[in-house]
């Protein structure tokens, strides 16, 4: 069961990782968009850790 939860943790953080990579690649051309992507990726990670942390605690 823990293995499934860890896989879910990885899958739920893929969008945040993609947002970070896209922000990193456009940081020179569009600094404002980069800042927005970094903020969204951070919020997504915090929410994802909260949801998966709750699932891990309930096991």
N, C-alpha and C. Protein backbone atom coordinates (compact mmCIF):
# COMPACT_ATOMS: atom_id res chain seq x y z
N UNK A 1 0.81 -1.20 0.00
CA UNK A 1 0.00 0.00 0.00
C UNK A 1 0.86 1.26 0.00
N UNK A 2 1.97 1.21 0.73
CA UNK A 2 2.87 2.36 0.77
C UNK A 2 3.48 2.60 -0.61
N UNK A 3 3.77 1.51 -1.32
CA UNK A 3 4.35 1.64 -2.66
C UNK A 3 3.39 2.37 -3.59
N UNK A 4 2.12 2.05 -3.51
CA UNK A 4 1.11 2.71 -4.34
C UNK A 4 1.03 4.19 -4.00
N UNK A 5 1.11 4.51 -2.73
CA UNK A 5 1.06 5.91 -2.31
C UNK A 5 2.28 6.67 -2.80
N UNK A 6 3.44 6.03 -2.77
CA UNK A 6 4.65 6.70 -3.27
C UNK A 6 4.57 6.94 -4.77
N UNK A 7 4.01 5.98 -5.50
CA UNK A 7 3.81 6.17 -6.94
C UNK A 7 2.84 7.32 -7.18
N UNK A 8 1.77 7.39 -6.38
CA UNK A 8 0.81 8.49 -6.50
C UNK A 8 1.48 9.82 -6.20
N UNK A 9 2.38 9.84 -5.22
CA UNK A 9 3.11 11.07 -4.89
C UNK A 9 3.95 11.53 -6.07
N UNK A 10 4.61 10.62 -6.72
CA UNK A 10 5.44 10.95 -7.89
C UNK A 10 4.56 11.45 -9.04
N UNK A 11 3.47 10.75 -9.30
CA UNK A 11 2.59 11.12 -10.41
C UNK A 11 1.96 12.49 -10.18
N UNK A 12 1.57 12.78 -8.94
CA UNK A 12 0.93 14.07 -8.69
C UNK A 12 1.90 15.24 -8.77
N UNK A 13 3.19 14.98 -8.70
CA UNK A 13 4.16 16.08 -8.78
C UNK A 13 4.75 16.28 -10.17
N UNK A 14 4.37 15.46 -11.11
CA UNK A 14 4.88 15.62 -12.48
C UNK A 14 4.49 16.99 -13.07
N UNK A 15 3.24 17.47 -12.92
CA UNK A 15 2.93 18.81 -13.45
C UNK A 15 3.78 19.92 -12.84
N UNK A 16 4.07 19.82 -11.55
CA UNK A 16 4.91 20.84 -10.91
C UNK A 16 6.32 20.81 -11.48
N UNK A 17 6.83 19.62 -11.73
CA UNK A 17 8.17 19.49 -12.31
C UNK A 17 8.19 20.06 -13.72
N UNK A 18 7.14 19.78 -14.48
CA UNK A 18 7.05 20.32 -15.85
C UNK A 18 6.97 21.84 -15.82
N UNK A 19 6.17 22.41 -14.89
CA UNK A 19 6.09 23.87 -14.78
C UNK A 19 7.44 24.47 -14.43
N UNK A 20 8.18 23.82 -13.56
CA UNK A 20 9.50 24.33 -13.19
C UNK A 20 10.45 24.29 -14.38
N UNK A 21 10.43 23.20 -15.14
CA UNK A 21 11.31 23.08 -16.31
C UNK A 21 10.97 24.12 -17.37
N UNK A 22 9.68 24.32 -17.62
CA UNK A 22 9.27 25.34 -18.60
C UNK A 22 9.68 26.73 -18.12
N UNK A 23 9.48 27.00 -16.83
CA UNK A 23 9.89 28.30 -16.29
C UNK A 23 11.39 28.51 -16.40
N UNK A 24 12.14 27.46 -16.16
CA UNK A 24 13.61 27.55 -16.27
C UNK A 24 14.03 27.84 -17.71
N UNK A 25 13.32 27.24 -18.66
CA UNK A 25 13.72 27.40 -20.06
C UNK A 25 13.34 28.77 -20.62
N UNK A 26 12.33 29.45 -20.06
CA UNK A 26 11.93 30.75 -20.60
C UNK A 26 12.32 31.91 -19.69
N UNK A 27 13.18 31.67 -18.72
CA UNK A 27 13.51 32.70 -17.73
C UNK A 27 14.17 33.93 -18.34
N UNK A 28 14.89 33.78 -19.42
CA UNK A 28 15.56 34.93 -20.04
C UNK A 28 14.59 35.80 -20.84
N UNK A 29 13.69 35.15 -21.58
CA UNK A 29 12.78 35.88 -22.47
C UNK A 29 11.60 36.49 -21.74
N UNK A 30 11.03 35.75 -20.79
CA UNK A 30 9.80 36.20 -20.12
C UNK A 30 9.92 36.01 -18.61
N UNK A 31 10.57 36.95 -17.94
CA UNK A 31 10.78 36.79 -16.49
C UNK A 31 9.49 36.80 -15.68
N UNK A 32 8.47 37.56 -16.11
CA UNK A 32 7.22 37.59 -15.37
C UNK A 32 6.50 36.24 -15.45
N UNK A 33 6.48 35.65 -16.64
CA UNK A 33 5.86 34.33 -16.80
C UNK A 33 6.62 33.27 -16.00
N UNK A 34 7.94 33.42 -15.94
CA UNK A 34 8.75 32.49 -15.16
C UNK A 34 8.38 32.56 -13.69
N UNK A 35 8.24 33.77 -13.18
CA UNK A 35 7.88 33.94 -11.78
C UNK A 35 6.51 33.32 -11.48
N UNK A 36 5.55 33.51 -12.39
CA UNK A 36 4.22 32.93 -12.21
C UNK A 36 4.29 31.41 -12.23
N UNK A 37 5.06 30.85 -13.14
CA UNK A 37 5.19 29.39 -13.20
C UNK A 37 5.85 28.82 -11.94
N UNK A 38 6.85 29.53 -11.42
CA UNK A 38 7.50 29.08 -10.19
C UNK A 38 6.52 29.10 -9.01
N UNK A 39 5.71 30.15 -8.93
CA UNK A 39 4.73 30.24 -7.85
C UNK A 39 3.70 29.13 -7.98
N UNK A 40 3.19 28.91 -9.19
CA UNK A 40 2.21 27.84 -9.40
C UNK A 40 2.80 26.46 -9.07
N UNK A 41 4.04 26.23 -9.47
CA UNK A 41 4.68 24.95 -9.18
C UNK A 41 4.86 24.76 -7.67
N UNK A 42 5.20 25.84 -6.96
CA UNK A 42 5.37 25.75 -5.51
C UNK A 42 4.04 25.46 -4.82
N UNK A 43 2.99 26.17 -5.22
CA UNK A 43 1.67 25.95 -4.62
C UNK A 43 1.19 24.53 -4.93
N UNK A 44 1.38 24.09 -6.16
CA UNK A 44 0.98 22.74 -6.54
C UNK A 44 1.71 21.69 -5.71
N UNK A 45 2.99 21.92 -5.46
CA UNK A 45 3.78 20.99 -4.65
C UNK A 45 3.30 20.97 -3.20
N UNK A 46 3.03 22.13 -2.64
CA UNK A 46 2.58 22.20 -1.25
C UNK A 46 1.23 21.49 -1.10
N UNK A 47 0.31 21.73 -2.03
CA UNK A 47 -1.00 21.08 -1.96
C UNK A 47 -0.86 19.58 -2.18
N UNK A 48 -0.03 19.19 -3.13
CA UNK A 48 0.18 17.76 -3.39
C UNK A 48 0.79 17.04 -2.21
N UNK A 49 1.74 17.68 -1.54
CA UNK A 49 2.35 17.07 -0.35
C UNK A 49 1.33 16.97 0.78
N UNK A 50 0.47 17.94 0.87
CA UNK A 50 -0.57 17.89 1.90
C UNK A 50 -1.55 16.76 1.67
N UNK A 51 -1.97 16.57 0.43
CA UNK A 51 -2.92 15.50 0.11
C UNK A 51 -2.25 14.14 0.27
N UNK A 52 -1.06 13.97 -0.29
CA UNK A 52 -0.38 12.67 -0.19
C UNK A 52 0.09 12.41 1.23
N UNK A 53 0.45 13.47 1.97
CA UNK A 53 0.82 13.29 3.37
C UNK A 53 -0.34 12.79 4.19
N UNK A 54 -1.52 13.30 3.90
CA UNK A 54 -2.71 12.83 4.59
C UNK A 54 -2.98 11.37 4.27
N UNK A 55 -2.79 10.99 3.03
CA UNK A 55 -2.98 9.60 2.64
C UNK A 55 -1.96 8.70 3.34
N UNK A 56 -0.71 9.13 3.40
CA UNK A 56 0.33 8.34 4.06
C UNK A 56 0.08 8.18 5.55
N UNK A 57 -0.44 9.22 6.19
CA UNK A 57 -0.71 9.14 7.62
C UNK A 57 -1.86 8.17 7.91
N UNK A 58 -2.82 8.12 7.00
CA UNK A 58 -4.00 7.28 7.24
C UNK A 58 -3.73 5.81 7.02
N UNK A 59 -2.59 5.45 6.45
CA UNK A 59 -2.29 4.03 6.19
C UNK A 59 -1.94 3.31 7.48
